PDB file of N, CA and C in Angstrom:
ATOM      1  N   MET A   1     -11.960  34.128  -5.493  1.00  0.00           N
ATOM      2  CA  MET A   1     -12.853  33.448  -4.577  1.00  0.00           C
ATOM      3  C   MET A   1     -12.251  32.108  -4.197  1.00  0.00           C
ATOM      4  N   SER A   2     -12.289  31.768  -2.928  1.00  0.00           N
ATOM      5  CA  SER A   2     -11.790  30.497  -2.433  1.00  0.00           C
ATOM      6  C   SER A   2     -12.944  29.649  -1.926  1.00  0.00           C
ATOM      7  N   THR A   3     -12.794  28.346  -2.088  1.00  0.00           N
ATOM      8  CA  THR A   3     -13.795  27.414  -1.596  1.00  0.00           C
ATOM      9  C   THR A   3     -13.089  26.352  -0.774  1.00  0.00           C
ATOM     10  N   LEU A   4     -13.579  26.101   0.403  1.00  0.00           N
ATOM     11  CA  LEU A   4     -13.036  25.061   1.261  1.00  0.00           C
ATOM     12  C   LEU A   4     -13.945  23.848   1.161  1.00  0.00           C
ATOM     13  N   LEU A   5     -13.369  22.725   0.769  1.00  0.00           N
ATOM     14  CA  LEU A   5     -14.128  21.475   0.661  1.00  0.00           C
ATOM     15  C   LEU A   5     -13.596  20.519   1.713  1.00  0.00           C
ATOM     16  N   TYR A   6     -14.490  19.841   2.391  1.00  0.00           N
ATOM     17  CA  TYR A   6     -14.108  18.931   3.458  1.00  0.00           C
ATOM     18  C   TYR A   6     -14.676  17.559   3.140  1.00  0.00           C
ATOM     19  N   GLY A   7     -13.838  16.534   3.202  1.00  0.00           N
ATOM     20  CA  GLY A   7     -14.322  15.175   2.978  1.00  0.00           C
ATOM     21  C   GLY A   7     -13.263  14.324   2.321  1.00  0.00           C
ATOM     22  N   ASP A   8     -13.672  13.199   1.805  1.00  0.00           N
ATOM     23  CA  ASP A   8     -12.781  12.267   1.123  1.00  0.00           C
ATOM     24  C   ASP A   8     -12.287  12.922  -0.159  1.00  0.00           C
ATOM     25  N   ASN A   9     -10.983  13.149  -0.253  1.00  0.00           N
ATOM     26  CA  ASN A   9     -10.451  13.883  -1.399  1.00  0.00           C
ATOM     27  C   ASN A   9     -10.718  13.204  -2.733  1.00  0.00           C
ATOM     28  N   LEU A  10     -10.730  11.892  -2.795  1.00  0.00           N
ATOM     29  CA  LEU A  10     -10.975  11.217  -4.074  1.00  0.00           C
ATOM     30  C   LEU A  10     -12.389  11.458  -4.572  1.00  0.00           C
ATOM     31  N   ASN A  11     -13.352  11.387  -3.693  1.00  0.00           N
ATOM     32  CA  ASN A  11     -14.739  11.643  -4.101  1.00  0.00           C
ATOM     33  C   ASN A  11     -14.919  13.077  -4.587  1.00  0.00           C
ATOM     34  N   ILE A  12     -14.318  14.020  -3.893  1.00  0.00           N
ATOM     35  CA  ILE A  12     -14.452  15.429  -4.255  1.00  0.00           C
ATOM     36  C   ILE A  12     -13.700  15.731  -5.551  1.00  0.00           C
ATOM     37  N   MET A  13     -12.459  15.267  -5.651  1.00  0.00           N
ATOM     38  CA  MET A  13     -11.630  15.610  -6.807  1.00  0.00           C
ATOM     39  C   MET A  13     -12.119  14.988  -8.107  1.00  0.00           C
ATOM     40  N   ARG A  14     -12.818  13.883  -8.042  1.00  0.00           N
ATOM     41  CA  ARG A  14     -13.348  13.261  -9.261  1.00  0.00           C
ATOM     42  C   ARG A  14     -14.322  14.182  -9.996  1.00  0.00           C
ATOM     43  N   HIS A  15     -14.926  15.116  -9.270  1.00  0.00           N
ATOM     44  CA  HIS A  15     -15.929  15.997  -9.862  1.00  0.00           C
ATOM     45  C   HIS A  15     -15.403  17.408 -10.100  1.00  0.00           C
ATOM     46  N   MET A  16     -14.085  17.607  -9.942  1.00  0.00           N
ATOM     47  CA  MET A  16     -13.517  18.942 -10.118  1.00  0.00           C
ATOM     48  C   MET A  16     -12.848  19.065 -11.483  1.00  0.00           C
ATOM     49  N   ASP A  17     -12.861  20.269 -12.030  1.00  0.00           N
ATOM     50  CA  ASP A  17     -12.124  20.578 -13.244  1.00  0.00           C
ATOM     51  C   ASP A  17     -10.649  20.688 -12.865  1.00  0.00           C
ATOM     52  N   SER A  18      -9.778  19.906 -13.484  1.00  0.00           N
ATOM     53  CA  SER A  18      -8.365  19.885 -13.107  1.00  0.00           C
ATOM     54  C   SER A  18      -7.679  21.233 -13.307  1.00  0.00           C
ATOM     55  N   GLU A  19      -8.211  22.076 -14.166  1.00  0.00           N
ATOM     56  CA  GLU A  19      -7.628  23.401 -14.394  1.00  0.00           C
ATOM     57  C   GLU A  19      -7.998  24.386 -13.292  1.00  0.00           C
ATOM     58  N   SER A  20      -8.895  24.016 -12.405  1.00  0.00           N
ATOM     59  CA  SER A  20      -9.366  24.954 -11.384  1.00  0.00           C
ATOM     60  C   SER A  20      -8.639  24.814 -10.053  1.00  0.00           C
ATOM     61  N   ILE A  21      -7.703  23.896  -9.930  1.00  0.00           N
ATOM     62  CA  ILE A  21      -7.062  23.612  -8.651  1.00  0.00           C
ATOM     63  C   ILE A  21      -5.766  24.402  -8.513  1.00  0.00           C
ATOM     64  N   ASP A  22      -5.677  25.206  -7.447  1.00  0.00           N
ATOM     65  CA  ASP A  22      -4.455  25.936  -7.139  1.00  0.00           C
ATOM     66  C   ASP A  22      -3.701  25.312  -5.974  1.00  0.00           C
ATOM     67  N   LEU A  23      -4.429  24.707  -5.051  1.00  0.00           N
ATOM     68  CA  LEU A  23      -3.799  24.166  -3.859  1.00  0.00           C
ATOM     69  C   LEU A  23      -4.636  23.030  -3.299  1.00  0.00           C
ATOM     70  N   ILE A  24      -3.957  21.969  -2.881  1.00  0.00           N
ATOM     71  CA  ILE A  24      -4.608  20.885  -2.152  1.00  0.00           C
ATOM     72  C   ILE A  24      -3.861  20.748  -0.830  1.00  0.00           C
ATOM     73  N   TYR A  25      -4.584  20.858   0.263  1.00  0.00           N
ATOM     74  CA  TYR A  25      -4.001  20.784   1.599  1.00  0.00           C
ATOM     75  C   TYR A  25      -4.557  19.556   2.303  1.00  0.00           C
ATOM     76  N   LEU A  26      -3.674  18.687   2.757  1.00  0.00           N
ATOM     77  CA  LEU A  26      -4.075  17.483   3.483  1.00  0.00           C
ATOM     78  C   LEU A  26      -3.621  17.622   4.930  1.00  0.00           C
ATOM     79  N   ASP A  27      -4.447  17.184   5.847  1.00  0.00           N
ATOM     80  CA  ASP A  27      -4.112  17.325   7.259  1.00  0.00           C
ATOM     81  C   ASP A  27      -4.423  16.053   8.039  1.00  0.00           C
ATOM     82  N   PRO A  28      -3.673  14.969   7.736  1.00  0.00           N
ATOM     83  CA  PRO A  28      -3.867  13.774   8.568  1.00  0.00           C
ATOM     84  C   PRO A  28      -3.254  13.997   9.948  1.00  0.00           C
ATOM     85  N   PRO A  29      -3.456  13.097  10.864  1.00  0.00           N
ATOM     86  CA  PRO A  29      -2.910  13.284  12.223  1.00  0.00           C
ATOM     87  C   PRO A  29      -1.406  13.021  12.255  1.00  0.00           C
ATOM     88  N   TYR A  30      -0.609  14.013  11.875  1.00  0.00           N
ATOM     89  CA  TYR A  30       0.838  13.839  11.781  1.00  0.00           C
ATOM     90  C   TYR A  30       1.483  13.579  13.129  1.00  0.00           C
ATOM     91  N   ASN A  31       2.457  12.695  13.111  1.00  0.00           N
ATOM     92  CA  ASN A  31       3.302  12.357  14.253  1.00  0.00           C
ATOM     93  C   ASN A  31       2.507  11.967  15.491  1.00  0.00           C
ATOM     94  N   SER A  32       1.510  11.139  15.302  1.00  0.00           N
ATOM     95  CA  SER A  32       0.715  10.659  16.428  1.00  0.00           C
ATOM     96  C   SER A  32       1.357   9.440  17.091  1.00  0.00           C
ATOM     97  N   LYS A  33       2.457   8.972  16.503  1.00  0.00           N
ATOM     98  CA  LYS A  33       3.181   7.789  17.008  1.00  0.00           C
ATOM     99  C   LYS A  33       2.307   6.531  16.959  1.00  0.00           C
ATOM    100  N   ARG A  34       1.415   6.466  15.953  1.00  0.00           N
ATOM    101  CA  ARG A  34       0.530   5.313  15.801  1.00  0.00           C
ATOM    102  C   ARG A  34       0.673   4.733  14.402  1.00  0.00           C
ATOM    103  N   ASP A  35       0.294   3.486  14.255  1.00  0.00           N
ATOM    104  CA  ASP A  35       0.161   2.857  12.945  1.00  0.00           C
ATOM    105  C   ASP A  35      -1.313   2.845  12.593  1.00  0.00           C
ATOM    106  N   TYR A  36      -1.647   3.265  11.375  1.00  0.00           N
ATOM    107  CA  TYR A  36      -3.035   3.317  10.940  1.00  0.00           C
ATOM    108  C   TYR A  36      -3.292   2.210   9.934  1.00  0.00           C
ATOM    109  N   ASN A  37      -4.441   1.577  10.040  1.00  0.00           N
ATOM    110  CA  ASN A  37      -4.804   0.473   9.174  1.00  0.00           C
ATOM    111  C   ASN A  37      -6.043   0.806   8.362  1.00  0.00           C
ATOM    112  N   VAL A  38      -6.134   0.174   7.201  1.00  0.00           N
ATOM    113  CA  VAL A  38      -7.328   0.264   6.377  1.00  0.00           C
ATOM    114  C   VAL A  38      -8.075  -1.041   6.559  1.00  0.00           C
ATOM    115  N   THR A  39      -9.332  -0.974   6.932  1.00  0.00           N
ATOM    116  CA  THR A  39     -10.129  -2.173   7.163  1.00  0.00           C
ATOM    117  C   THR A  39     -11.025  -2.436   5.967  1.00  0.00           C
ATOM    118  N   PHE A  40     -10.964  -3.643   5.454  1.00  0.00           N
ATOM    119  CA  PHE A  40     -11.811  -4.064   4.347  1.00  0.00           C
ATOM    120  C   PHE A  40     -12.864  -5.015   4.898  1.00  0.00           C
ATOM    121  N   GLY A  41     -13.987  -4.487   5.314  1.00  0.00           N
ATOM    122  CA  GLY A  41     -14.996  -5.317   5.956  1.00  0.00           C
ATOM    123  C   GLY A  41     -14.479  -5.751   7.313  1.00  0.00           C
ATOM    124  N   ALA A  42     -14.868  -6.897   7.755  1.00  0.00           N
ATOM    125  CA  ALA A  42     -14.432  -7.395   9.055  1.00  0.00           C
ATOM    126  C   ALA A  42     -13.389  -8.496   8.924  1.00  0.00           C
ATOM    127  N   VAL A  43     -13.032  -8.860   7.688  1.00  0.00           N
ATOM    128  CA  VAL A  43     -12.170 -10.017   7.487  1.00  0.00           C
ATOM    129  C   VAL A  43     -10.691  -9.646   7.368  1.00  0.00           C
ATOM    130  N   ALA A  44     -10.363  -8.640   6.560  1.00  0.00           N
ATOM    131  CA  ALA A  44      -8.962  -8.330   6.291  1.00  0.00           C
ATOM    132  C   ALA A  44      -8.685  -6.857   6.528  1.00  0.00           C
ATOM    133  N   GLN A  45      -7.456  -6.567   6.861  1.00  0.00           N
ATOM    134  CA  GLN A  45      -7.049  -5.173   6.962  1.00  0.00           C
ATOM    135  C   GLN A  45      -5.617  -5.057   6.466  1.00  0.00           C
ATOM    136  N   SER A  46      -5.230  -3.868   6.078  1.00  0.00           N
ATOM    137  CA  SER A  46      -3.904  -3.604   5.554  1.00  0.00           C
ATOM    138  C   SER A  46      -3.339  -2.378   6.253  1.00  0.00           C
ATOM    139  N   LYS A  47      -2.033  -2.367   6.445  1.00  0.00           N
ATOM    140  CA  LYS A  47      -1.401  -1.206   7.067  1.00  0.00           C
ATOM    141  C   LYS A  47      -1.476  -0.034   6.101  1.00  0.00           C
ATOM    142  N   ALA A  48      -2.057   1.075   6.522  1.00  0.00           N
ATOM    143  CA  ALA A  48      -2.221   2.245   5.664  1.00  0.00           C
ATOM    144  C   ALA A  48      -0.968   3.118   5.716  1.00  0.00           C
ATOM    145  N   PHE A  49      -0.549   3.529   6.898  1.00  0.00           N
ATOM    146  CA  PHE A  49       0.689   4.280   7.046  1.00  0.00           C
ATOM    147  C   PHE A  49       1.124   4.288   8.506  1.00  0.00           C
ATOM    148  N   LYS A  50       2.411   4.485   8.682  1.00  0.00           N
ATOM    149  CA  LYS A  50       2.986   4.585  10.024  1.00  0.00           C
ATOM    150  C   LYS A  50       3.227   6.065  10.278  1.00  0.00           C
ATOM    151  N   ASP A  51       2.647   6.597  11.324  1.00  0.00           N
ATOM    152  CA  ASP A  51       2.707   8.019  11.598  1.00  0.00           C
ATOM    153  C   ASP A  51       3.731   8.321  12.687  1.00  0.00           C
ATOM    154  N   THR A  52       4.980   8.054  12.361  1.00  0.00           N
ATOM    155  CA  THR A  52       6.083   8.351  13.258  1.00  0.00           C
ATOM    156  C   THR A  52       7.110   9.135  12.454  1.00  0.00           C
ATOM    157  N   TRP A  53       7.399  10.352  12.861  1.00  0.00           N
ATOM    158  CA  TRP A  53       8.286  11.234  12.125  1.00  0.00           C
ATOM    159  C   TRP A  53       9.732  10.840  12.342  1.00  0.00           C
ATOM    160  N   THR A  54      10.479  10.749  11.244  1.00  0.00           N
ATOM    161  CA  THR A  54      11.916  10.477  11.318  1.00  0.00           C
ATOM    162  C   THR A  54      12.631  11.385  10.322  1.00  0.00           C
ATOM    163  N   TRP A  55      13.929  11.528  10.469  1.00  0.00           N
ATOM    164  CA  TRP A  55      14.756  12.315   9.550  1.00  0.00           C
ATOM    165  C   TRP A  55      16.040  11.536   9.329  1.00  0.00           C
ATOM    166  N   ASP A  56      16.397  11.319   8.061  1.00  0.00           N
ATOM    167  CA  ASP A  56      17.627  10.590   7.784  1.00  0.00           C
ATOM    168  C   ASP A  56      18.417  11.311   6.696  1.00  0.00           C
ATOM    169  N   THR A  57      19.498  10.715   6.250  1.00  0.00           N
ATOM    170  CA  THR A  57      20.374  11.372   5.270  1.00  0.00           C
ATOM    171  C   THR A  57      19.664  11.612   3.936  1.00  0.00           C
ATOM    172  N   GLN A  58      18.760  10.728   3.557  1.00  0.00           N
ATOM    173  CA  GLN A  58      18.011  10.939   2.314  1.00  0.00           C
ATOM    174  C   GLN A  58      17.099  12.165   2.440  1.00  0.00           C
ATOM    175  N   ASP A  59      16.467  12.337   3.584  1.00  0.00           N
ATOM    176  CA  ASP A  59      15.643  13.528   3.812  1.00  0.00           C
ATOM    177  C   ASP A  59      16.498  14.788   3.761  1.00  0.00           C
ATOM    178  N   ASP A  60      17.697  14.719   4.329  1.00  0.00           N
ATOM    179  CA  ASP A  60      18.607  15.853   4.316  1.00  0.00           C
ATOM    180  C   ASP A  60      18.982  16.232   2.879  1.00  0.00           C
ATOM    181  N   GLN A  61      19.232  15.232   2.056  1.00  0.00           N
ATOM    182  CA  GLN A  61      19.562  15.468   0.644  1.00  0.00           C
ATOM    183  C   GLN A  61      18.381  16.110  -0.081  1.00  0.00           C
ATOM    184  N   HIS A  62      17.188  15.629   0.154  1.00  0.00           N
ATOM    185  CA  HIS A  62      15.995  16.219  -0.473  1.00  0.00           C
ATOM    186  C   HIS A  62      15.827  17.680  -0.064  1.00  0.00           C
ATOM    187  N   MET A  63      16.064  17.978   1.193  1.00  0.00           N
ATOM    188  CA  MET A  63      15.945  19.349   1.671  1.00  0.00           C
ATOM    189  C   MET A  63      16.959  20.260   0.971  1.00  0.00           C
ATOM    190  N   ARG A  64      18.191  19.785   0.795  1.00  0.00           N
ATOM    191  CA  ARG A  64      19.198  20.586   0.088  1.00  0.00           C
ATOM    192  C   ARG A  64      18.785  20.826  -1.372  1.00  0.00           C
ATOM    193  N   GLU A  65      18.220  19.805  -2.028  1.00  0.00           N
ATOM    194  CA  GLU A  65      17.785  19.964  -3.409  1.00  0.00           C
ATOM    195  C   GLU A  65      16.640  20.992  -3.516  1.00  0.00           C
ATOM    196  N   ILE A  66      15.718  20.937  -2.589  1.00  0.00           N
ATOM    197  CA  ILE A  66      14.613  21.905  -2.580  1.00  0.00           C
ATOM    198  C   ILE A  66      15.147  23.318  -2.352  1.00  0.00           C
ATOM    199  N   ALA A  67      16.107  23.463  -1.444  1.00  0.00           N
ATOM    200  CA  ALA A  67      16.683  24.775  -1.143  1.00  0.00           C
ATOM    201  C   ALA A  67      17.432  25.341  -2.344  1.00  0.00           C
ATOM    202  N   GLN A  68      18.051  24.483  -3.148  1.00  0.00           N
ATOM    203  CA  GLN A  68      18.749  24.949  -4.346  1.00  0.00           C
ATOM    204  C   GLN A  68      17.755  25.445  -5.394  1.00  0.00           C
ATOM    205  N   ILE A  69      16.636  24.751  -5.539  1.00  0.00           N
ATOM    206  CA  ILE A  69      15.632  25.125  -6.524  1.00  0.00           C
ATOM    207  C   ILE A  69      14.874  26.361  -6.081  1.00  0.00           C
ATOM    208  N   ASN A  70      14.553  26.436  -4.779  1.00  0.00           N
ATOM    209  CA  ASN A  70      13.777  27.540  -4.208  1.00  0.00           C
ATOM    210  C   ASN A  70      14.529  28.168  -3.055  1.00  0.00           C
ATOM    211  N   PRO A  71      15.512  29.016  -3.361  1.00  0.00           N
ATOM    212  CA  PRO A  71      16.320  29.592  -2.261  1.00  0.00           C
ATOM    213  C   PRO A  71      15.493  30.474  -1.339  1.00  0.00           C
TER     214      PRO A  71
END
């Protein structure tokens, strides 16, 4: 049996049995070419993440390592 849960993952996962999780799928707005901020009230905000896709030599190395482990 599968259950789909929608919402803030931290709130949901705090109430889950850790032995019951097979997969966690996250779907933020990938490659929107925007910077996203976290707002703390109306006074301060912090950069949450930059959503611009790039590929460099370090990514290439990681891909080769993954391919060696999981051909």
